[in-house]
Amino acid sequence: MYRKEVYAFDQDKPVKAVIRNYQEKDFAQLIRVQQECFPPPFPSELWWKEEQLKNHVGLFPEGALCVEIAGKIAGSMTGLRVNYNPGDHDHSWEQITDNGYIRNHVPDGNTLYVVDISVSPTYRKLGLGKWLMQSMYEVVIQHGMDRLLGGGRMPHYHKYESEMSAEGYLKKVVNGDIKDPVISFLLHCGRTPVKVVHNYLEDEDSRNHATLMEWKNPFKQ
């Protein structure tokens, strides 16, 4: 099982954090983090359900990570294994993650696919999302997978929709002309764009687009 202690920083103040696999005893706190990340009017039926979380820890516990500050869960990241090859047909989030239930997990899949990453707003200045991402890269290496892959929302795209395509928007973000809160964060984490996927997830701000972004295992080139 996975566990490590790191120091995050609140400005210049070190804050001890523990990153570990989440377990059934953590479910209430994981759902609380979702509630804090996605408050109403976000529909509550889209928060994690216990059945989904049970599948995460039952089917692929190695891909179920949380970060803890002073004994309180501050964020989580979940993945499943799939087989993916460049050139595969486009997929939606619902298809590739089994709507978050991951019953389509492939135990020997070549790719770790990100289902979700969430950090409670109280802790977002500590860089915990980047620590979770780094930890999931370590899972990729440990299990000899080819890559980490996932769809990143493009929440500022709606501001530029009348001026450019989603592909043009992505290019501007990669060139540093536009900052997008999700795509720019993923670039900071070492992820690289593969392509824009249309109708990936119902998301008004992104106009239902997402950028498929990967991190390649440097030991599997």
C-alpha atoms as a PDB file:
ATOM      1  CA  MET A   1       0.000   0.000   0.000  1.00  0.00           C
ATOM      2  CA  TYR A   2       1.051   3.601  -0.597  1.00  0.00           C
ATOM      3  CA  ARG A   3       1.983   6.062   2.150  1.00  0.00           C
ATOM      4  CA  LYS A   4       4.400   8.980   2.287  1.00  0.00           C
ATOM      5  CA  GLU A   5       4.900  12.095   4.384  1.00  0.00           C
ATOM      6  CA  VAL A   6       5.743  15.388   2.714  1.00  0.00           C
ATOM      7  CA  TYR A   7       5.828  19.069   3.611  1.00  0.00           C
ATOM      8  CA  ALA A   8       3.473  21.370   1.777  1.00  0.00           C
ATOM      9  CA  PHE A   9       3.877  25.115   2.192  1.00  0.00           C
ATOM     10  CA  ASP A  10       1.370  27.727   3.321  1.00  0.00           C
ATOM     11  CA  GLN A  11       3.327  30.649   1.868  1.00  0.00           C
ATOM     12  CA  ASP A  12       6.649  30.154   3.755  1.00  0.00           C
ATOM     13  CA  LYS A  13       5.274  27.933   6.531  1.00  0.00           C
ATOM     14  CA  PRO A  14       5.880  24.162   6.186  1.00  0.00           C
ATOM     15  CA  VAL A  15       2.773  22.047   6.754  1.00  0.00           C
ATOM     16  CA  LYS A  16       3.130  18.279   7.182  1.00  0.00           C
ATOM     17  CA  ALA A  17       0.916  16.236   4.847  1.00  0.00           C
ATOM     18  CA  VAL A  18       0.378  12.491   4.523  1.00  0.00           C
ATOM     19  CA  ILE A  19      -0.514  10.932   1.169  1.00  0.00           C
ATOM     20  CA  ARG A  20      -1.928   7.426   1.413  1.00  0.00           C
ATOM     21  CA  ASN A  21      -4.495   5.025   0.011  1.00  0.00           C
ATOM     22  CA  TYR A  22      -7.991   5.849   1.180  1.00  0.00           C
ATOM     23  CA  GLN A  23     -10.125   3.195   2.833  1.00  0.00           C
ATOM     24  CA  GLU A  24     -13.751   2.595   3.736  1.00  0.00           C
ATOM     25  CA  LYS A  25     -13.350   4.455   7.028  1.00  0.00           C
ATOM     26  CA  ASP A  26     -12.557   7.587   4.994  1.00  0.00           C
ATOM     27  CA  PHE A  27     -15.707   7.620   2.855  1.00  0.00           C
ATOM     28  CA  ALA A  28     -17.588  10.248   4.884  1.00  0.00           C
ATOM     29  CA  GLN A  29     -14.612  12.621   4.699  1.00  0.00           C
ATOM     30  CA  LEU A  30     -14.152  11.998   0.967  1.00  0.00           C
ATOM     31  CA  ILE A  31     -17.794  12.892   0.341  1.00  0.00           C
ATOM     32  CA  ARG A  32     -17.336  16.003   2.514  1.00  0.00           C
ATOM     33  CA  VAL A  33     -14.422  17.105   0.311  1.00  0.00           C
ATOM     34  CA  GLN A  34     -16.676  16.725  -2.753  1.00  0.00           C
ATOM     35  CA  GLN A  35     -19.372  18.812  -1.069  1.00  0.00           C
ATOM     36  CA  GLU A  36     -16.834  21.550  -0.317  1.00  0.00           C
ATOM     37  CA  CYS A  37     -15.405  21.453  -3.846  1.00  0.00           C
ATOM     38  CA  PHE A  38     -18.781  21.392  -5.587  1.00  0.00           C
ATOM     39  CA  PRO A  39     -21.340  23.231  -3.423  1.00  0.00           C
ATOM     40  CA  PRO A  40     -24.934  23.909  -4.551  1.00  0.00           C
ATOM     41  CA  PRO A  41     -26.221  24.627  -7.132  1.00  0.00           C
ATOM     42  CA  PHE A  42     -23.935  21.767  -8.234  1.00  0.00           C
ATOM     43  CA  PRO A  43     -26.241  18.728  -8.139  1.00  0.00           C
ATOM     44  CA  SER A  44     -25.622  16.655  -5.014  1.00  0.00           C
ATOM     45  CA  GLU A  45     -26.326  13.425  -6.894  1.00  0.00           C
ATOM     46  CA  LEU A  46     -22.996  13.940  -8.693  1.00  0.00           C
ATOM     47  CA  TRP A  47     -20.978  13.842  -5.457  1.00  0.00           C
ATOM     48  CA  TRP A  48     -19.236  10.534  -4.732  1.00  0.00           C
ATOM     49  CA  LYS A  49     -21.584   7.747  -3.684  1.00  0.00           C
ATOM     50  CA  GLU A  50     -20.482   5.067  -1.240  1.00  0.00           C
ATOM     51  CA  GLU A  51     -20.949   2.379  -3.893  1.00  0.00           C
ATOM     52  CA  GLN A  52     -18.500   4.168  -6.184  1.00  0.00           C
ATOM     53  CA  LEU A  53     -15.942   4.556  -3.392  1.00  0.00           C
ATOM     54  CA  LYS A  54     -16.320   0.878  -2.427  1.00  0.00           C
ATOM     55  CA  ASN A  55     -15.509  -0.041  -6.020  1.00  0.00           C
ATOM     56  CA  HIS A  56     -12.439   2.214  -5.983  1.00  0.00           C
ATOM     57  CA  VAL A  57     -10.924   0.532  -2.920  1.00  0.00           C
ATOM     58  CA  GLY A  58     -12.143  -2.925  -3.943  1.00  0.00           C
ATOM     59  CA  LEU A  59     -11.162  -3.004  -7.619  1.00  0.00           C
ATOM     60  CA  PHE A  60      -8.021  -0.841  -7.678  1.00  0.00           C
ATOM     61  CA  PRO A  61      -6.961   0.310  -4.183  1.00  0.00           C
ATOM     62  CA  GLU A  62      -3.578   1.426  -5.551  1.00  0.00           C
ATOM     63  CA  GLY A  63      -5.395   4.107  -7.559  1.00  0.00           C
ATOM     64  CA  ALA A  64      -7.343   5.466  -4.589  1.00  0.00           C
ATOM     65  CA  LEU A  65      -5.218   8.176  -2.934  1.00  0.00           C
ATOM     66  CA  CYS A  66      -5.985  10.886  -0.404  1.00  0.00           C
ATOM     67  CA  VAL A  67      -3.968  13.635   1.248  1.00  0.00           C
ATOM     68  CA  GLU A  68      -4.330  14.296   4.955  1.00  0.00           C
ATOM     69  CA  ILE A  69      -3.473  17.408   6.993  1.00  0.00           C
ATOM     70  CA  ALA A  70      -3.502  17.044  10.781  1.00  0.00           C
ATOM     71  CA  GLY A  71      -5.653  13.932  10.510  1.00  0.00           C
ATOM     72  CA  LYS A  72      -8.239  15.541   8.233  1.00  0.00           C
ATOM     73  CA  ILE A  73      -8.614  14.575   4.582  1.00  0.00           C
ATOM     74  CA  ALA A  74      -7.949  17.644   2.435  1.00  0.00           C
ATOM     75  CA  GLY A  75      -8.169  16.085  -1.029  1.00  0.00           C
ATOM     76  CA  SER A  76      -8.222  12.897  -3.055  1.00  0.00           C
ATOM     77  CA  MET A  77      -7.319  11.471  -6.441  1.00  0.00           C
ATOM     78  CA  THR A  78      -8.729   8.342  -8.041  1.00  0.00           C
ATOM     79  CA  GLY A  79      -7.708   6.322 -11.084  1.00  0.00           C
ATOM     80  CA  LEU A  80      -8.366   3.029 -12.840  1.00  0.00           C
ATOM     81  CA  ARG A  81      -6.366   0.957 -15.317  1.00  0.00           C
ATOM     82  CA  VAL A  82      -7.474   0.830 -18.951  1.00  0.00           C
ATOM     83  CA  ASN A  83      -5.909  -0.161 -22.245  1.00  0.00           C
ATOM     84  CA  TYR A  84      -5.264   2.911 -24.382  1.00  0.00           C
ATOM     85  CA  ASN A  85      -3.349   3.334 -27.597  1.00  0.00           C
ATOM     86  CA  PRO A  86      -2.721   6.586 -29.477  1.00  0.00           C
ATOM     87  CA  GLY A  87      -5.259   6.828 -32.268  1.00  0.00           C
ATOM     88  CA  ASP A  88      -8.070   5.210 -30.288  1.00  0.00           C
ATOM     89  CA  HIS A  89     -11.551   6.627 -30.861  1.00  0.00           C
ATOM     90  CA  ASP A  90     -12.595   9.527 -28.634  1.00  0.00           C
ATOM     91  CA  HIS A  91     -14.338   8.653 -25.385  1.00  0.00           C
ATOM     92  CA  SER A  92     -16.422  10.495 -22.815  1.00  0.00           C
ATOM     93  CA  TRP A  93     -15.685  10.600 -19.088  1.00  0.00           C
ATOM     94  CA  GLU A  94     -18.735   8.435 -18.443  1.00  0.00           C
ATOM     95  CA  GLN A  95     -17.564   5.764 -20.884  1.00  0.00           C
ATOM     96  CA  ILE A  96     -13.937   5.533 -19.803  1.00  0.00           C
ATOM     97  CA  THR A  97     -14.628   5.593 -16.025  1.00  0.00           C
ATOM     98  CA  ASP A  98     -17.926   3.648 -16.042  1.00  0.00           C
ATOM     99  CA  ASN A  99     -19.525   6.839 -14.704  1.00  0.00           C
ATOM    100  CA  GLY A 100     -17.129   6.766 -11.760  1.00  0.00           C
ATOM    101  CA  TYR A 101     -17.907   3.169 -10.749  1.00  0.00           C
ATOM    102  CA  ILE A 102     -14.763   1.761 -12.528  1.00  0.00           C
ATOM    103  CA  ARG A 103     -16.337  -1.688 -13.070  1.00  0.00           C
ATOM    104  CA  ASN A 104     -14.458  -1.614 -16.407  1.00  0.00           C
ATOM    105  CA  HIS A 105     -11.082  -1.604 -14.598  1.00  0.00           C
ATOM    106  CA  VAL A 106      -8.522  -3.720 -16.496  1.00  0.00           C
ATOM    107  CA  PRO A 107      -6.059  -5.207 -13.944  1.00  0.00           C
ATOM    108  CA  ASP A 108      -3.212  -5.340 -16.489  1.00  0.00           C
ATOM    109  CA  GLY A 109      -4.200  -2.204 -18.441  1.00  0.00           C
ATOM    110  CA  ASN A 110      -1.333  -0.198 -19.912  1.00  0.00           C
ATOM    111  CA  THR A 111      -2.672   3.197 -18.776  1.00  0.00           C
ATOM    112  CA  LEU A 112      -3.688   4.737 -15.461  1.00  0.00           C
ATOM    113  CA  TYR A 113      -6.734   6.876 -16.224  1.00  0.00           C
ATOM    114  CA  VAL A 114      -7.669   9.702 -13.861  1.00  0.00           C
ATOM    115  CA  VAL A 115     -11.250   9.507 -12.650  1.00  0.00           C
ATOM    116  CA  ASP A 116     -11.154  12.543 -10.371  1.00  0.00           C
ATOM    117  CA  ILE A 117      -8.898  14.895  -8.436  1.00  0.00           C
ATOM    118  CA  SER A 118     -10.362  17.161  -5.761  1.00  0.00           C
ATOM    119  CA  VAL A 119      -8.811  19.422  -3.124  1.00  0.00           C
ATOM    120  CA  SER A 120     -10.923  21.222  -0.544  1.00  0.00           C
ATOM    121  CA  PRO A 121     -10.912  25.015  -1.160  1.00  0.00           C
ATOM    122  CA  THR A 122      -9.496  25.561   2.356  1.00  0.00           C
ATOM    123  CA  TYR A 123      -6.260  23.829   1.357  1.00  0.00           C
ATOM    124  CA  ARG A 124      -5.809  24.827  -2.284  1.00  0.00           C
ATOM    125  CA  LYS A 125      -2.934  27.236  -1.652  1.00  0.00           C
ATOM    126  CA  LEU A 126      -0.761  24.386  -0.344  1.00  0.00           C
ATOM    127  CA  GLY A 127      -0.106  22.743  -3.709  1.00  0.00           C
ATOM    128  CA  LEU A 128      -1.718  19.459  -2.654  1.00  0.00           C
ATOM    129  CA  GLY A 129      -3.119  18.768  -6.124  1.00  0.00           C
ATOM    130  CA  LYS A 130       0.406  18.696  -7.509  1.00  0.00           C
ATOM    131  CA  TRP A 131       1.521  16.335  -4.715  1.00  0.00           C
ATOM    132  CA  LEU A 132      -1.386  13.984  -5.484  1.00  0.00           C
ATOM    133  CA  MET A 133      -0.510  14.009  -9.182  1.00  0.00           C
ATOM    134  CA  GLN A 134       3.145  13.279  -8.432  1.00  0.00           C
ATOM    135  CA  SER A 135       2.092  10.396  -6.216  1.00  0.00           C
ATOM    136  CA  MET A 136      -0.060   8.910  -8.960  1.00  0.00           C
ATOM    137  CA  TYR A 137       2.919   9.105 -11.346  1.00  0.00           C
ATOM    138  CA  GLU A 138       4.757   6.938  -8.826  1.00  0.00           C
ATOM    139  CA  VAL A 139       1.905   4.391  -9.011  1.00  0.00           C
ATOM    140  CA  VAL A 140       2.321   4.348 -12.812  1.00  0.00           C
ATOM    141  CA  ILE A 141       6.037   3.612 -12.421  1.00  0.00           C
ATOM    142  CA  GLN A 142       5.546   1.016  -9.679  1.00  0.00           C
ATOM    143  CA  HIS A 143       3.118  -0.977 -11.819  1.00  0.00           C
ATOM    144  CA  GLY A 144       5.050  -0.575 -15.062  1.00  0.00           C
ATOM    145  CA  MET A 145       2.270   1.215 -16.941  1.00  0.00           C
ATOM    146  CA  ASP A 146       2.956   3.261 -20.064  1.00  0.00           C
ATOM    147  CA  ARG A 147       1.286   6.474 -19.013  1.00  0.00           C
ATOM    148  CA  LEU A 148      -1.111   8.428 -16.863  1.00  0.00           C
ATOM    149  CA  LEU A 149      -3.981   9.863 -18.903  1.00  0.00           C
ATOM    150  CA  GLY A 150      -7.075  11.932 -18.234  1.00  0.00           C
ATOM    151  CA  GLY A 151      -9.360  14.602 -19.582  1.00  0.00           C
ATOM    152  CA  GLY A 152      -8.814  18.136 -18.284  1.00  0.00           C
ATOM    153  CA  ARG A 153     -11.698  20.593 -18.220  1.00  0.00           C
ATOM    154  CA  MET A 154     -11.238  23.903 -20.072  1.00  0.00           C
ATOM    155  CA  PRO A 155     -13.325  26.130 -17.776  1.00  0.00           C
ATOM    156  CA  HIS A 156     -12.303  29.483 -19.281  1.00  0.00           C
ATOM    157  CA  TYR A 157     -13.037  28.426 -22.845  1.00  0.00           C
ATOM    158  CA  HIS A 158     -16.573  29.877 -22.755  1.00  0.00           C
ATOM    159  CA  LYS A 159     -14.993  33.362 -22.546  1.00  0.00           C
ATOM    160  CA  TYR A 160     -13.261  32.824 -25.910  1.00  0.00           C
ATOM    161  CA  GLU A 161     -15.751  30.586 -27.734  1.00  0.00           C
ATOM    162  CA  SER A 162     -16.791  33.334 -30.166  1.00  0.00           C
ATOM    163  CA  GLU A 163     -13.150  34.063 -31.059  1.00  0.00           C
ATOM    164  CA  MET A 164     -11.606  30.618 -31.548  1.00  0.00           C
ATOM    165  CA  SER A 165     -12.098  26.867 -31.611  1.00  0.00           C
ATOM    166  CA  ALA A 166     -11.348  24.716 -28.598  1.00  0.00           C
ATOM    167  CA  GLU A 167      -8.175  23.596 -30.356  1.00  0.00           C
ATOM    168  CA  GLY A 168      -7.159  27.230 -30.901  1.00  0.00           C
ATOM    169  CA  TYR A 169      -7.853  27.955 -27.231  1.00  0.00           C
ATOM    170  CA  LEU A 170      -5.660  25.048 -26.147  1.00  0.00           C
ATOM    171  CA  LYS A 171      -2.835  26.308 -28.332  1.00  0.00           C
ATOM    172  CA  LYS A 172      -3.089  29.762 -26.727  1.00  0.00           C
ATOM    173  CA  VAL A 173      -2.956  28.206 -23.238  1.00  0.00           C
ATOM    174  CA  VAL A 174       0.090  26.097 -24.121  1.00  0.00           C
ATOM    175  CA  ASN A 175       1.799  29.175 -25.602  1.00  0.00           C
ATOM    176  CA  GLY A 176       1.137  31.103 -22.389  1.00  0.00           C
ATOM    177  CA  ASP A 177      -1.178  33.673 -24.023  1.00  0.00           C
ATOM    178  CA  ILE A 178      -4.159  32.528 -21.926  1.00  0.00           C
ATOM    179  CA  LYS A 179      -4.238  31.001 -18.444  1.00  0.00           C
ATOM    180  CA  ASP A 180      -6.791  28.274 -17.824  1.00  0.00           C
ATOM    181  CA  PRO A 181      -7.200  27.137 -14.199  1.00  0.00           C
ATOM    182  CA  VAL A 182      -7.280  23.431 -15.063  1.00  0.00           C
ATOM    183  CA  ILE A 183      -5.144  23.075 -18.201  1.00  0.00           C
ATOM    184  CA  SER A 184      -2.437  25.394 -16.866  1.00  0.00           C
ATOM    185  CA  PHE A 185      -2.409  23.458 -13.572  1.00  0.00           C
ATOM    186  CA  LEU A 186      -1.972  20.164 -15.433  1.00  0.00           C
ATOM    187  CA  LEU A 187       0.887  21.638 -17.472  1.00  0.00           C
ATOM    188  CA  HIS A 188       2.536  22.675 -14.181  1.00  0.00           C
ATOM    189  CA  CYS A 189       2.175  19.045 -13.054  1.00  0.00           C
ATOM    190  CA  GLY A 190       4.066  17.740 -16.065  1.00  0.00           C
ATOM    191  CA  ARG A 191       1.109  16.624 -18.169  1.00  0.00           C
ATOM    192  CA  THR A 192       1.220  17.204 -21.938  1.00  0.00           C
ATOM    193  CA  PRO A 193      -1.761  17.658 -24.288  1.00  0.00           C
ATOM    194  CA  VAL A 194      -2.763  14.813 -26.605  1.00  0.00           C
ATOM    195  CA  LYS A 195      -5.871  16.323 -28.223  1.00  0.00           C
ATOM    196  CA  VAL A 196      -9.144  18.111 -27.581  1.00  0.00           C
ATOM    197  CA  VAL A 197     -12.092  15.774 -27.006  1.00  0.00           C
ATOM    198  CA  HIS A 198     -15.577  17.054 -27.806  1.00  0.00           C
ATOM    199  CA  ASN A 199     -18.624  16.018 -25.752  1.00  0.00           C
ATOM    200  CA  TYR A 200     -16.369  14.678 -23.010  1.00  0.00           C
ATOM    201  CA  LEU A 201     -18.422  15.810 -20.037  1.00  0.00           C
ATOM    202  CA  GLU A 202     -21.486  17.954 -19.492  1.00  0.00           C
ATOM    203  CA  ASP A 203     -19.720  21.190 -18.541  1.00  0.00           C
ATOM    204  CA  GLU A 204     -21.154  24.526 -19.595  1.00  0.00           C
ATOM    205  CA  ASP A 205     -17.995  26.553 -18.925  1.00  0.00           C
ATOM    206  CA  SER A 206     -15.885  24.229 -21.110  1.00  0.00           C
ATOM    207  CA  ARG A 207     -18.698  23.932 -23.651  1.00  0.00           C
ATOM    208  CA  ASN A 208     -18.461  20.164 -23.009  1.00  0.00           C
ATOM    209  CA  HIS A 209     -14.866  20.045 -24.284  1.00  0.00           C
ATOM    210  CA  ALA A 210     -11.846  18.617 -22.503  1.00  0.00           C
ATOM    211  CA  THR A 211      -8.170  18.255 -23.299  1.00  0.00           C
ATOM    212  CA  LEU A 212      -6.847  14.715 -23.105  1.00  0.00           C
ATOM    213  CA  MET A 213      -3.504  15.072 -21.320  1.00  0.00           C
ATOM    214  CA  GLU A 214      -0.900  12.451 -20.509  1.00  0.00           C
ATOM    215  CA  TRP A 215       2.243  11.850 -18.508  1.00  0.00           C
ATOM    216  CA  LYS A 216       4.451   9.208 -20.070  1.00  0.00           C
ATOM    217  CA  ASN A 217       6.373   6.795 -17.878  1.00  0.00           C
ATOM    218  CA  PRO A 218      10.002   7.827 -18.523  1.00  0.00           C
ATOM    219  CA  PHE A 219      11.163   4.248 -17.888  1.00  0.00           C
ATOM    220  CA  LYS A 220       8.904   2.808 -20.623  1.00  0.00           C
ATOM    221  CA  GLN A 221       9.965   4.836 -23.669  1.00  0.00           C
END
